[in-house]
Amino acid sequence: MERESMEFDVVIVGAGPAGLATACRLMQISKDADKEITVCVVEKGSEVGAHILSGAVFQPDVLDELFNDWRDSDIPLNTKVSHDEIYLLNSESKSRLMPNSLVPKTMHNEGNYIISVGNLARWLANRAEAMGVEIFPGFAASELLFNEDNSVKGILIGDMGVDENGQPKDSYMPGMELHAKYTVFSEGCRGHLGKQLIQKYHLDNGKTPQHYGLGFKEIWKIPAEQHQQGKVVHTGGWPLVNGSSGGGFLYHMEDNQVAVGLIIDLNYKNPHLSPFDEFQRYKTHPVIAQTLTGGERLTYGARAIAKGGLNSLPKMSFPGGLIIGCNAGTLNFAKIKGTHTAIKSGIIAATTLGEGLIAGLEGGKDLDCFQQRFEESWLHEELHQSRNFGPALHKFGTLMGGAFNYVDQNWFGGKFPVTFRDTTPDYASMGLASEYSKIDYPKPDGKLSFDKLSSVYLSNTYHEEGQRCHLHLKDQSIPISVNLVKFDEPAQRYCPAGVYEVVEDEGEKKFVINGQNCIHCKTCDIKDPSQNITWVTPEGGGGPNYPNM
């Protein structure tokens, strides 16, 4: 069908820190050169920030490269870190506070802020719009568009008002094509268009597979006497034992609120493991429970994070565009931070694009000069220094891997003369159900631990009824004929929103997808052992509506 189209110099997919930093810097370059650069940002969430979830402790220095007035603005950086504590949880009741002298220096947070990345994105969006950027929230980039020479031409905004059979409803509105000289993909971790671009242009040739964690987060209002504004707590160990790894956090924000979360590496082996239930158990440990007891849970969410670092970072340029931020995997896992690195990748992208456009560069080229700028930046240096952090933990385990990381970061400054690599994709690490014991998780108490559906309710997730399911199975038979037989169909457990069920209908097992519950974490796309599930965008505006995550 013939569709309406709009033309821009640059289209940016995703209104997160990377995409908005790109937009802001492009407009600064445009103003300095007194030459117009037209920029459009499309965001699948109902508003900017609606789909953003992060811990988060933020390293603010990068803002000096973007705005010289940010310290005097209304930027939502309200809670400076006062002090750090790192605990090793030895069991469900025991713990050990780690001396600062034994902590990798990347884990210290002096000068950083506890923030809502969603609120930071909203602030960046306001700055971008004030400079002339057009931002379209509630519109999902559903497909890639290509020129005849195989370069990226832009994106297609998905149709609205289509029923489950692909037929137009009364509310049908056809999607629009957005054409650009260059398209920047900053969709966040495991962006579905970024995934296609990496495959099409072989951007990951020579790289180790990307590795992921599933991050849970809740915000609680707690009694004033239990609150210490600015306090940052990180934990390792329990409940992630026996073939699973990751770590937890507790951040004391303003207004007697705390953010509590758990990151579970998605290379875990036991198919009976339920990441959601591990998070619920985590909150019952005395180190965490002493802060949460008597409090009220306000919000819940979960999101995958790309943690492979430099070893897994794909080539970030291709004909007609760039892939940046967490969509490429620029998070620094050694610091457990990705916001400052995402913003820096956006600044590098904008500098590359802006200088080319001002000089009259034609669209559709492969901007190889981006790679040189990236390798000359502090971002590359930082990621190189942290390249062994995740692989060491995977190779040696939490204790020995942590010891190596202490030596590497504190003694060698991240320049240990060996590079470890983890070449096994996360999905391939899952063992057979017959090889592992089932895990008997305690029932939620409704005080510290909760069930999935009441948790999803707090994420304000909404999808228009009757639309096509955005969770696609390559082979409809695999969940029952393969995954159930070999792995006890782990989708029932790894999904943090209760999307997948195995039910019995007249004596026959059936795989049910409750797509309306999906909080867009992307875990199924990553962890399915048969790689049979593909996550694509639902209609624009669908999904969670996080207020300040």
Protein backbone atom coordinates (compact mmCIF):
# COMPACT_ATOMS: atom_id res chain seq x y z
CA MET A 1 0.00 0.00 0.00
CA GLU A 2 1.08 3.57 -0.60
CA ARG A 3 1.77 5.46 2.62
CA GLU A 4 2.30 9.04 3.58
CA SER A 5 5.88 9.97 4.34
CA MET A 6 7.90 12.70 6.02
CA GLU A 7 11.51 13.67 5.29
CA PHE A 8 14.15 14.56 7.86
CA ASP A 9 17.90 14.84 7.92
CA VAL A 10 18.06 12.54 10.95
CA VAL A 11 15.43 10.22 12.45
CA ILE A 12 16.18 8.88 15.92
CA VAL A 13 14.41 5.75 17.17
CA GLY A 14 13.99 5.83 20.94
CA ALA A 15 13.74 8.78 23.33
CA GLY A 16 16.18 7.53 25.92
CA PRO A 17 19.39 9.22 27.09
CA ALA A 18 21.39 8.16 23.99
CA GLY A 19 18.81 9.25 21.44
CA LEU A 20 17.99 12.53 23.16
CA ALA A 21 21.66 13.39 23.65
CA THR A 22 22.11 12.83 19.91
CA ALA A 23 19.19 15.14 19.15
CA CYS A 24 20.38 17.89 21.49
CA ARG A 25 23.95 17.88 20.18
CA LEU A 26 22.75 17.90 16.56
CA MET A 27 20.72 21.04 17.22
CA GLN A 28 23.72 22.68 18.91
CA ILE A 29 25.85 21.90 15.85
CA SER A 30 23.07 23.22 13.60
CA LYS A 31 22.91 26.49 15.53
CA ASP A 32 26.69 26.95 15.64
CA ALA A 33 26.95 26.41 11.88
CA ASP A 34 23.84 28.49 11.17
CA LYS A 35 22.59 25.68 8.95
CA GLU A 36 19.33 23.86 9.54
CA ILE A 37 19.40 20.18 10.47
CA THR A 38 15.95 18.62 10.79
CA VAL A 39 15.70 16.00 13.55
CA CYS A 40 12.81 13.76 14.56
CA VAL A 41 12.65 11.38 17.55
CA VAL A 42 10.05 8.60 17.69
CA GLU A 43 9.25 6.91 20.99
CA LYS A 44 7.07 3.80 21.36
CA GLY A 45 6.12 4.61 24.96
CA SER A 46 2.99 6.64 25.66
CA GLU A 47 5.28 9.47 26.77
CA VAL A 48 9.01 10.04 27.02
CA GLY A 49 10.29 7.96 29.95
CA ALA A 50 7.30 5.62 30.09
CA HIS A 51 9.40 2.58 29.10
CA ILE A 52 12.63 3.51 30.87
CA LEU A 53 13.70 1.49 33.89
CA SER A 54 17.12 1.70 35.50
CA GLY A 55 18.60 1.55 39.02
CA ALA A 56 20.06 4.13 38.87
CA VAL A 57 23.23 5.76 40.12
CA PHE A 58 24.33 8.33 37.56
CA GLN A 59 27.81 9.65 36.82
CA PRO A 60 27.04 13.26 35.80
CA ASP A 61 30.36 14.44 34.34
CA VAL A 62 29.19 13.63 30.80
CA LEU A 63 26.60 16.41 31.03
CA ASP A 64 29.45 18.94 30.95
CA GLU A 65 29.99 17.88 27.34
CA LEU A 66 26.35 18.55 26.47
CA PHE A 67 25.13 21.55 28.51
CA ASN A 68 27.33 24.09 30.28
CA ASP A 69 24.36 25.24 32.39
CA TRP A 70 23.00 21.92 33.63
CA ARG A 71 24.02 22.53 37.25
CA ASP A 72 21.94 25.72 37.34
CA SER A 73 18.91 24.17 35.63
CA ASP A 74 15.90 22.22 36.90
CA ILE A 75 17.57 18.91 36.01
CA PRO A 76 16.17 16.11 38.24
CA LEU A 77 19.41 15.30 40.04
CA ASN A 78 18.23 15.70 43.62
CA THR A 79 20.06 13.07 45.64
CA LYS A 80 23.83 13.01 45.78
CA VAL A 81 25.38 9.75 46.95
CA SER A 82 26.43 10.10 50.60
CA HIS A 83 28.15 6.75 51.08
CA ASP A 84 28.44 3.19 49.72
CA GLU A 85 28.00 -0.16 51.40
CA ILE A 86 28.66 -3.50 49.71
CA TYR A 87 27.53 -6.75 51.32
CA LEU A 88 28.20 -10.36 50.50
CA LEU A 89 25.03 -12.27 51.40
CA ASN A 90 26.29 -15.65 52.60
CA SER A 91 22.86 -17.19 53.16
CA GLU A 92 19.22 -16.23 53.61
CA SER A 93 20.04 -14.72 57.00
CA LYS A 94 23.79 -14.05 57.11
CA SER A 95 25.92 -11.37 55.44
CA ARG A 96 29.31 -9.73 55.54
CA LEU A 97 29.97 -6.03 54.99
CA MET A 98 32.91 -5.72 52.62
CA PRO A 99 35.69 -3.30 53.62
CA ASN A 100 36.04 -0.45 51.13
CA SER A 101 39.67 -1.40 50.66
CA LEU A 102 38.59 -4.72 49.10
CA VAL A 103 36.00 -3.27 46.73
CA PRO A 104 36.87 -2.67 43.03
CA LYS A 105 37.22 1.09 42.63
CA THR A 106 34.63 1.07 39.83
CA MET A 107 31.99 0.30 42.48
CA HIS A 108 32.60 3.51 44.46
CA ASN A 109 30.14 6.32 43.82
CA GLU A 110 31.60 9.54 45.22
CA GLY A 111 30.20 12.50 43.28
CA ASN A 112 27.41 10.49 41.66
CA TYR A 113 23.63 10.88 42.00
CA ILE A 114 20.73 8.53 42.67
CA ILE A 115 18.25 9.37 39.93
CA SER A 116 15.25 8.32 37.88
CA VAL A 117 16.55 7.85 34.34
CA GLY A 118 12.98 8.25 33.11
CA ASN A 119 12.84 11.71 34.64
CA LEU A 120 16.27 12.55 33.23
CA ALA A 121 14.96 11.57 29.78
CA ARG A 122 11.95 13.83 30.24
CA TRP A 123 14.29 16.72 31.07
CA LEU A 124 16.45 15.98 28.02
CA ALA A 125 13.32 15.84 25.86
CA ASN A 126 12.26 19.28 27.05
CA ARG A 127 15.69 20.66 26.17
CA ALA A 128 15.60 18.99 22.76
CA GLU A 129 12.14 20.32 21.91
CA ALA A 130 13.15 23.83 22.97
CA MET A 131 15.95 23.61 20.39
CA GLY A 132 13.61 22.53 17.60
CA VAL A 133 13.61 18.72 17.72
CA GLU A 134 10.30 17.07 16.84
CA ILE A 135 9.46 14.29 19.32
CA PHE A 136 6.63 11.84 18.60
CA PRO A 137 5.76 9.71 21.67
CA GLY A 138 3.27 6.89 21.28
CA PHE A 139 4.54 5.90 17.83
CA ALA A 140 6.39 2.61 17.45
CA ALA A 141 9.05 2.12 14.78
CA SER A 142 7.92 -1.25 13.48
CA GLU A 143 9.94 -1.87 10.31
CA LEU A 144 13.15 -0.85 8.58
CA LEU A 145 13.00 0.86 5.20
CA PHE A 146 15.80 0.46 2.67
CA ASN A 147 17.06 2.28 -0.41
CA GLU A 148 17.79 0.42 -3.63
CA ASP A 149 21.48 0.28 -2.71
CA ASN A 150 20.61 -1.63 0.51
CA SER A 151 21.28 1.36 2.78
CA VAL A 152 18.76 2.30 5.46
CA LYS A 153 16.19 4.80 4.22
CA GLY A 154 14.28 5.26 7.47
CA ILE A 155 11.57 3.52 9.44
CA LEU A 156 7.90 2.66 9.22
CA ILE A 157 5.62 3.68 12.05
CA GLY A 158 3.40 0.70 12.82
CA ASP A 159 -0.26 0.66 11.87
CA MET A 160 -2.75 1.42 14.62
CA GLY A 161 -6.15 -0.23 15.02
CA VAL A 162 -5.40 -3.67 13.55
CA ASP A 163 -7.09 -6.75 14.99
CA GLU A 164 -5.48 -10.06 15.94
CA ASN A 165 -5.95 -11.34 12.39
CA GLY A 166 -4.27 -8.32 10.80
CA GLN A 167 -7.53 -6.77 9.64
CA PRO A 168 -8.32 -3.05 10.11
CA LYS A 169 -10.72 -2.14 12.91
CA ASP A 170 -12.93 0.94 13.02
CA SER A 171 -10.05 2.76 14.69
CA TYR A 172 -7.56 1.85 11.95
CA MET A 173 -4.83 4.36 11.19
CA PRO A 174 -2.11 3.40 8.68
CA GLY A 175 1.48 3.87 9.69
CA MET A 176 3.64 6.58 8.18
CA GLU A 177 7.07 6.29 6.62
CA LEU A 178 9.79 8.48 8.11
CA HIS A 179 12.65 8.96 5.65
CA ALA A 180 16.04 10.30 6.64
CA LYS A 181 19.51 10.82 5.30
CA TYR A 182 20.60 8.96 8.44
CA THR A 183 18.68 6.98 11.05
CA VAL A 184 19.97 6.51 14.58
CA PHE A 185 18.76 3.48 16.52
CA SER A 186 18.75 4.01 20.28
CA GLU A 187 15.97 1.60 21.24
CA GLY A 188 17.55 0.40 24.47
CA CYS A 189 18.68 -3.14 25.24
CA ARG A 190 17.78 -5.74 22.59
CA GLY A 191 15.97 -3.27 20.36
CA HIS A 192 14.07 -5.29 17.77
CA LEU A 193 15.25 -3.14 14.83
CA GLY A 194 18.78 -3.02 16.18
CA LYS A 195 18.74 -6.80 16.35
CA GLN A 196 17.75 -6.95 12.67
CA LEU A 197 20.45 -4.45 11.68
CA ILE A 198 23.17 -6.40 13.47
CA GLN A 199 22.12 -9.56 11.62
CA LYS A 200 21.66 -7.91 8.20
CA TYR A 201 24.98 -6.06 8.14
CA HIS A 202 26.91 -8.69 10.20
CA LEU A 203 27.88 -5.99 12.67
CA ASP A 204 28.86 -8.56 15.31
CA ASN A 205 31.44 -10.38 13.17
CA GLY A 206 34.46 -11.20 15.33
CA LYS A 207 32.64 -10.30 18.55
CA THR A 208 31.64 -12.52 21.43
CA PRO A 209 27.89 -13.00 21.86
CA GLN A 210 26.12 -10.22 23.73
CA HIS A 211 25.37 -11.13 27.35
CA TYR A 212 22.40 -9.96 29.35
CA GLY A 213 20.97 -9.61 32.79
CA LEU A 214 17.35 -9.23 33.84
CA GLY A 215 16.98 -6.28 36.18
CA PHE A 216 14.07 -5.94 38.62
CA LYS A 217 13.20 -2.71 40.36
CA GLU A 218 10.63 -1.55 42.87
CA ILE A 219 10.22 1.84 44.51
CA TRP A 220 9.09 1.84 48.14
CA LYS A 221 8.00 4.54 50.57
CA ILE A 222 9.53 3.65 53.93
CA PRO A 223 9.33 4.95 57.52
CA ALA A 224 11.47 8.04 58.03
CA GLU A 225 13.59 6.41 60.73
CA GLN A 226 14.69 3.73 58.25
CA HIS A 227 15.66 6.21 55.54
CA GLN A 228 19.18 7.55 54.92
CA GLN A 229 19.04 9.82 51.88
CA GLY A 230 21.98 9.26 49.55
CA LYS A 231 22.92 5.84 50.89
CA VAL A 232 23.84 3.27 48.21
CA VAL A 233 23.86 -0.46 49.01
CA HIS A 234 25.03 -3.17 46.63
CA THR A 235 24.98 -6.90 47.35
CA GLY A 236 26.32 -10.13 45.90
CA GLY A 237 25.64 -13.75 46.72
CA TRP A 238 22.32 -15.08 48.04
CA PRO A 239 19.80 -15.84 46.64
CA LEU A 240 21.81 -16.25 43.42
CA VAL A 241 23.74 -19.45 44.07
CA ASN A 242 24.23 -22.87 42.45
CA GLY A 243 24.74 -21.84 38.84
CA SER A 244 23.14 -18.40 38.88
CA SER A 245 24.80 -15.05 39.43
CA GLY A 246 24.09 -11.34 39.63
CA GLY A 247 23.66 -8.76 42.36
CA GLY A 248 21.22 -6.56 44.19
CA PHE A 249 20.89 -2.90 45.13
CA LEU A 250 19.10 -0.59 47.53
CA TYR A 251 19.25 3.15 46.83
CA HIS A 252 17.90 5.73 49.29
CA MET A 253 16.32 8.52 47.23
CA GLU A 254 14.51 11.68 48.34
CA ASP A 255 11.08 11.84 50.08
CA ASN A 256 11.65 8.71 52.20
CA GLN A 257 11.70 6.55 49.08
CA VAL A 258 14.10 3.75 48.21
CA ALA A 259 14.72 1.82 45.01
CA VAL A 260 15.30 -1.89 45.57
CA GLY A 261 16.33 -4.25 42.81
CA LEU A 262 18.05 -7.43 41.71
CA ILE A 263 19.95 -8.13 38.48
CA ILE A 264 20.05 -11.80 37.46
CA ASP A 265 22.53 -12.83 34.79
CA LEU A 266 20.62 -14.56 31.99
CA ASN A 267 23.27 -17.23 31.59
CA TYR A 268 21.78 -19.17 34.51
CA LYS A 269 21.61 -22.92 34.04
CA ASN A 270 18.68 -24.26 36.08
CA PRO A 271 15.51 -24.11 33.93
CA HIS A 272 13.40 -24.30 37.10
CA LEU A 273 14.76 -20.95 38.30
CA SER A 274 12.24 -18.10 38.44
CA PRO A 275 13.96 -14.71 38.35
CA PHE A 276 10.82 -12.99 39.68
CA ASP A 277 10.67 -15.28 42.71
CA GLU A 278 14.40 -14.86 43.33
CA PHE A 279 13.77 -11.12 43.55
CA GLN A 280 10.91 -11.65 45.99
CA ARG A 281 13.18 -13.82 48.17
CA TYR A 282 15.93 -11.21 47.97
CA LYS A 283 13.78 -8.63 49.75
CA THR A 284 13.38 -10.92 52.77
CA HIS A 285 17.10 -10.92 53.58
CA PRO A 286 17.73 -8.96 56.81
CA VAL A 287 20.09 -6.52 55.04
CA ILE A 288 17.20 -5.47 52.78
CA ALA A 289 14.19 -6.24 54.97
CA GLN A 290 15.34 -3.93 57.77
CA THR A 291 14.87 -1.02 55.38
CA LEU A 292 11.64 -2.14 53.68
CA THR A 293 9.68 -3.47 56.67
CA GLY A 294 6.69 -1.27 57.39
CA GLY A 295 6.98 0.44 54.03
CA GLU A 296 4.67 0.58 51.03
CA ARG A 297 5.53 -0.72 47.58
CA LEU A 298 4.74 1.97 44.98
CA THR A 299 5.97 0.69 41.63
CA TYR A 300 7.34 -2.45 39.98
CA GLY A 301 9.13 -3.13 36.71
CA ALA A 302 11.73 -5.27 34.98
CA ARG A 303 14.02 -4.82 32.00
CA ALA A 304 16.87 -6.68 30.37
CA ILE A 305 20.29 -5.02 30.33
CA ALA A 306 23.12 -5.64 27.85
CA LYS A 307 26.25 -6.38 29.90
CA GLY A 308 28.70 -7.93 27.45
CA GLY A 309 30.75 -4.74 27.28
CA LEU A 310 33.50 -4.04 24.77
CA ASN A 311 34.00 -7.70 23.84
CA SER A 312 30.39 -7.89 22.61
CA LEU A 313 30.04 -4.39 21.18
CA PRO A 314 29.06 -4.61 17.49
CA LYS A 315 30.25 -2.30 14.75
CA MET A 316 28.03 0.71 15.42
CA SER A 317 27.82 2.17 11.91
CA PHE A 318 26.20 0.80 8.76
CA PRO A 319 25.00 2.26 5.45
CA GLY A 320 22.50 4.94 6.36
CA GLY A 321 22.76 5.00 10.11
CA LEU A 322 24.18 4.26 13.54
CA ILE A 323 23.25 2.02 16.46
CA ILE A 324 24.11 3.51 19.85
CA GLY A 325 23.64 3.32 23.60
CA CYS A 326 22.23 0.19 25.21
CA ASN A 327 20.92 -0.88 21.80
CA ALA A 328 24.56 -1.50 20.90
CA GLY A 329 25.60 -2.46 24.44
CA THR A 330 27.66 0.46 25.77
CA LEU A 331 26.79 -0.20 29.44
CA ASN A 332 29.81 -0.42 31.74
CA PHE A 333 29.05 -3.51 33.82
CA ALA A 334 32.02 -2.93 36.11
CA LYS A 335 30.30 0.26 37.29
CA ILE A 336 26.74 -1.10 36.85
CA LYS A 337 26.08 2.11 34.92
CA GLY A 338 24.96 2.74 31.38
CA THR A 339 23.40 6.20 31.35
CA HIS A 340 26.59 8.24 31.11
CA THR A 341 27.99 5.89 28.47
CA ALA A 342 24.75 6.04 26.47
CA ILE A 343 24.81 9.84 26.51
CA LYS A 344 28.45 9.86 25.39
CA SER A 345 27.69 7.50 22.51
CA GLY A 346 24.94 9.93 21.47
CA ILE A 347 27.34 12.86 21.58
CA ILE A 348 29.82 10.98 19.37
CA ALA A 349 26.99 10.03 16.99
CA ALA A 350 25.76 13.62 16.73
CA THR A 351 29.27 14.99 16.16
CA THR A 352 29.82 12.48 13.36
CA LEU A 353 26.43 13.14 11.75
CA GLY A 354 26.42 16.88 12.28
CA GLU A 355 29.82 17.54 10.77
CA GLY A 356 28.93 15.36 7.79
CA LEU A 357 25.56 17.00 7.17
CA ILE A 358 26.99 20.52 7.51
CA ALA A 359 29.65 19.57 4.96
CA GLY A 360 26.98 18.37 2.53
CA LEU A 361 27.45 14.61 3.03
CA GLU A 362 24.97 12.55 1.03
CA GLY A 363 22.68 10.16 2.86
CA GLY A 364 23.04 6.40 2.95
CA LYS A 365 26.79 6.23 3.56
CA ASP A 366 28.51 4.04 6.13
CA LEU A 367 29.97 6.55 8.58
CA ASP A 368 33.12 4.61 9.38
CA CYS A 369 34.61 7.74 10.96
CA PHE A 370 32.28 7.09 13.92
CA GLN A 371 34.45 4.13 14.90
CA GLN A 372 37.59 6.25 14.96
CA ARG A 373 35.90 8.90 17.10
CA PHE A 374 34.64 6.20 19.43
CA GLU A 375 38.08 4.60 19.80
CA GLU A 376 39.64 8.01 20.55
CA SER A 377 37.08 8.80 23.27
CA TRP A 378 37.05 8.20 27.01
CA LEU A 379 34.07 5.91 26.41
CA HIS A 380 36.20 3.36 24.58
CA GLU A 381 38.94 3.64 27.20
CA GLU A 382 36.43 3.08 30.01
CA LEU A 383 34.87 0.06 28.33
CA HIS A 384 38.31 -1.37 27.54
CA GLN A 385 39.33 -1.11 31.18
CA SER A 386 36.17 -2.99 32.16
CA ARG A 387 36.27 -5.61 29.40
CA ASN A 388 37.16 -8.49 31.77
CA PHE A 389 34.67 -7.71 34.54
CA GLY A 390 31.72 -9.80 33.35
CA PRO A 391 33.70 -12.63 31.72
CA ALA A 392 35.74 -13.07 34.91
CA LEU A 393 32.58 -13.49 36.98
CA HIS A 394 31.21 -15.97 34.45
CA LYS A 395 34.49 -17.88 34.28
CA PHE A 396 35.51 -17.97 37.95
CA GLY A 397 32.27 -17.36 39.87
CA THR A 398 31.31 -14.57 42.25
CA LEU A 399 34.11 -14.98 44.82
CA MET A 400 37.12 -15.74 42.61
CA GLY A 401 35.82 -13.56 39.78
CA GLY A 402 35.32 -10.72 42.25
CA ALA A 403 38.86 -11.19 43.53
CA PHE A 404 40.25 -11.01 40.01
CA ASN A 405 38.22 -7.86 39.30
CA TYR A 406 39.58 -6.24 42.46
CA VAL A 407 43.13 -6.94 41.30
CA ASP A 408 42.41 -5.92 37.70
CA GLN A 409 40.68 -2.64 38.58
CA ASN A 410 42.61 -1.54 41.69
CA TRP A 411 46.10 -2.78 40.87
CA PHE A 412 46.19 -2.72 37.07
CA GLY A 413 43.63 0.03 36.37
CA GLY A 414 41.76 -2.34 34.06
CA LYS A 415 44.88 -3.00 31.98
CA PHE A 416 45.56 -6.60 33.02
CA PRO A 417 47.43 -8.08 30.02
CA VAL A 418 44.82 -10.77 29.34
CA THR A 419 41.35 -10.51 27.84
CA PHE A 420 38.78 -13.09 28.94
CA ARG A 421 35.88 -13.91 26.64
CA ASP A 422 32.59 -15.66 27.22
CA THR A 423 31.64 -17.26 23.91
CA THR A 424 28.52 -19.13 25.03
CA PRO A 425 25.23 -17.30 24.31
CA ASP A 426 23.03 -16.92 27.37
CA TYR A 427 20.23 -19.07 25.95
CA ALA A 428 22.64 -21.93 25.26
CA SER A 429 23.71 -22.14 28.91
CA MET A 430 20.36 -23.57 30.05
CA GLY A 431 20.52 -27.19 31.19
CA LEU A 432 17.92 -29.92 30.90
CA ALA A 433 15.12 -29.97 33.46
CA SER A 434 15.99 -33.56 34.34
CA GLU A 435 19.45 -32.48 35.48
CA TYR A 436 18.24 -29.97 38.07
CA SER A 437 15.99 -30.06 41.10
CA LYS A 438 12.86 -27.95 41.14
CA ILE A 439 12.99 -24.90 43.39
CA ASP A 440 10.35 -24.61 46.11
CA TYR A 441 9.75 -20.88 46.37
CA PRO A 442 7.88 -19.57 49.43
CA LYS A 443 4.44 -18.09 48.91
CA PRO A 444 4.37 -14.28 48.89
CA ASP A 445 3.57 -12.71 52.23
CA GLY A 446 2.00 -9.53 50.83
CA LYS A 447 4.36 -7.44 52.94
CA LEU A 448 7.81 -7.88 51.40
CA SER A 449 7.10 -10.43 48.67
CA PHE A 450 4.28 -10.39 46.13
CA ASP A 451 2.81 -12.29 43.17
CA LYS A 452 3.39 -11.49 39.50
CA LEU A 453 -0.03 -10.16 38.57
CA SER A 454 -0.27 -7.66 41.42
CA SER A 455 3.25 -6.55 40.50
CA VAL A 456 2.40 -6.06 36.82
CA TYR A 457 -0.57 -3.96 37.95
CA LEU A 458 1.89 -1.52 39.55
CA SER A 459 3.74 -1.17 36.24
CA ASN A 460 0.63 0.50 34.71
CA THR A 461 0.94 -1.81 31.71
CA TYR A 462 -1.69 -1.39 29.01
CA HIS A 463 -2.14 -2.74 25.51
CA GLU A 464 -5.13 -1.97 23.30
CA GLU A 465 -7.44 -4.99 23.31
CA GLY A 466 -7.80 -7.12 20.21
CA GLN A 467 -4.50 -6.19 18.57
CA ARG A 468 -2.07 -8.65 17.01
CA CYS A 469 0.18 -10.40 19.48
CA HIS A 470 3.64 -8.84 19.44
CA LEU A 471 5.33 -12.02 20.70
CA HIS A 472 5.92 -14.17 17.64
CA LEU A 473 6.69 -17.88 17.60
CA LYS A 474 8.76 -19.10 14.67
CA ASP A 475 7.34 -22.59 15.20
CA GLN A 476 4.07 -22.95 17.12
CA SER A 477 4.85 -26.53 18.12
CA ILE A 478 8.21 -25.97 19.83
CA PRO A 479 6.96 -24.76 23.26
CA ILE A 480 5.18 -28.07 23.89
CA SER A 481 7.10 -30.56 21.74
CA VAL A 482 10.60 -29.32 22.64
CA ASN A 483 10.75 -26.79 25.45
CA LEU A 484 8.25 -28.52 27.73
CA VAL A 485 9.85 -31.92 27.24
CA LYS A 486 13.47 -30.80 27.63
CA PHE A 487 13.29 -27.71 29.83
CA ASP A 488 9.84 -27.84 31.50
CA GLU A 489 9.04 -24.79 29.31
CA PRO A 490 11.06 -22.14 31.19
CA ALA A 491 9.06 -19.27 29.67
CA GLN A 492 6.57 -19.94 32.47
CA ARG A 493 9.24 -18.83 34.91
CA TYR A 494 11.76 -16.51 33.23
CA CYS A 495 9.06 -14.02 32.18
CA PRO A 496 8.65 -11.47 35.00
CA ALA A 497 5.07 -10.60 34.00
CA GLY A 498 3.24 -13.93 33.69
CA VAL A 499 2.93 -13.66 29.91
CA TYR A 500 3.53 -17.36 29.18
CA GLU A 501 1.56 -20.31 30.52
CA VAL A 502 1.24 -24.01 29.82
CA VAL A 503 -2.38 -25.05 30.37
CA GLU A 504 -4.27 -28.31 29.95
CA ASP A 505 -7.30 -28.29 27.67
CA GLU A 506 -9.24 -31.57 27.37
CA GLY A 507 -6.16 -33.53 28.33
CA GLU A 508 -3.90 -31.70 25.88
CA LYS A 509 -1.08 -29.34 26.85
CA LYS A 510 -1.29 -25.90 25.24
CA PHE A 511 1.05 -22.91 25.25
CA VAL A 512 -0.76 -19.65 26.03
CA ILE A 513 0.62 -16.16 25.44
CA ASN A 514 -0.94 -13.39 27.54
CA GLY A 515 0.57 -10.57 25.50
CA GLN A 516 -1.44 -7.92 27.31
CA ASN A 517 0.73 -8.49 30.40
CA CYS A 518 4.03 -7.84 28.60
CA ILE A 519 6.22 -5.17 30.22
CA HIS A 520 8.66 -5.15 27.28
CA CYS A 521 11.63 -6.55 29.21
CA LYS A 522 12.81 -8.66 26.19
CA THR A 523 13.81 -11.64 28.37
CA CYS A 524 11.88 -14.13 26.22
CA ASP A 525 13.67 -12.95 23.08
CA ILE A 526 16.98 -13.50 24.86
CA LYS A 527 16.58 -16.58 27.08
CA ASP A 528 14.29 -18.94 25.14
CA PRO A 529 16.54 -22.02 24.76
CA SER A 530 15.14 -22.78 21.30
CA GLN A 531 15.37 -19.14 20.16
CA ASN A 532 11.79 -19.51 18.99
CA ILE A 533 10.33 -16.26 20.39
CA THR A 534 10.77 -12.93 18.65
CA TRP A 535 9.67 -9.73 20.37
CA VAL A 536 8.37 -7.02 18.04
CA THR A 537 6.71 -3.71 18.84
CA PRO A 538 3.02 -3.70 19.68
CA GLU A 539 0.93 -0.68 18.73
CA GLY A 540 2.50 2.59 19.81
CA GLY A 541 1.80 3.63 23.37
CA GLY A 542 1.38 0.05 24.57
CA GLY A 543 3.36 -1.47 27.41
CA PRO A 544 4.33 -0.17 30.84
CA ASN A 545 3.83 3.40 31.93
CA TYR A 546 6.57 3.96 34.48
CA PRO A 547 6.21 7.30 36.27
CA ASN A 548 9.75 7.73 37.63
CA MET A 549 11.73 4.52 37.14
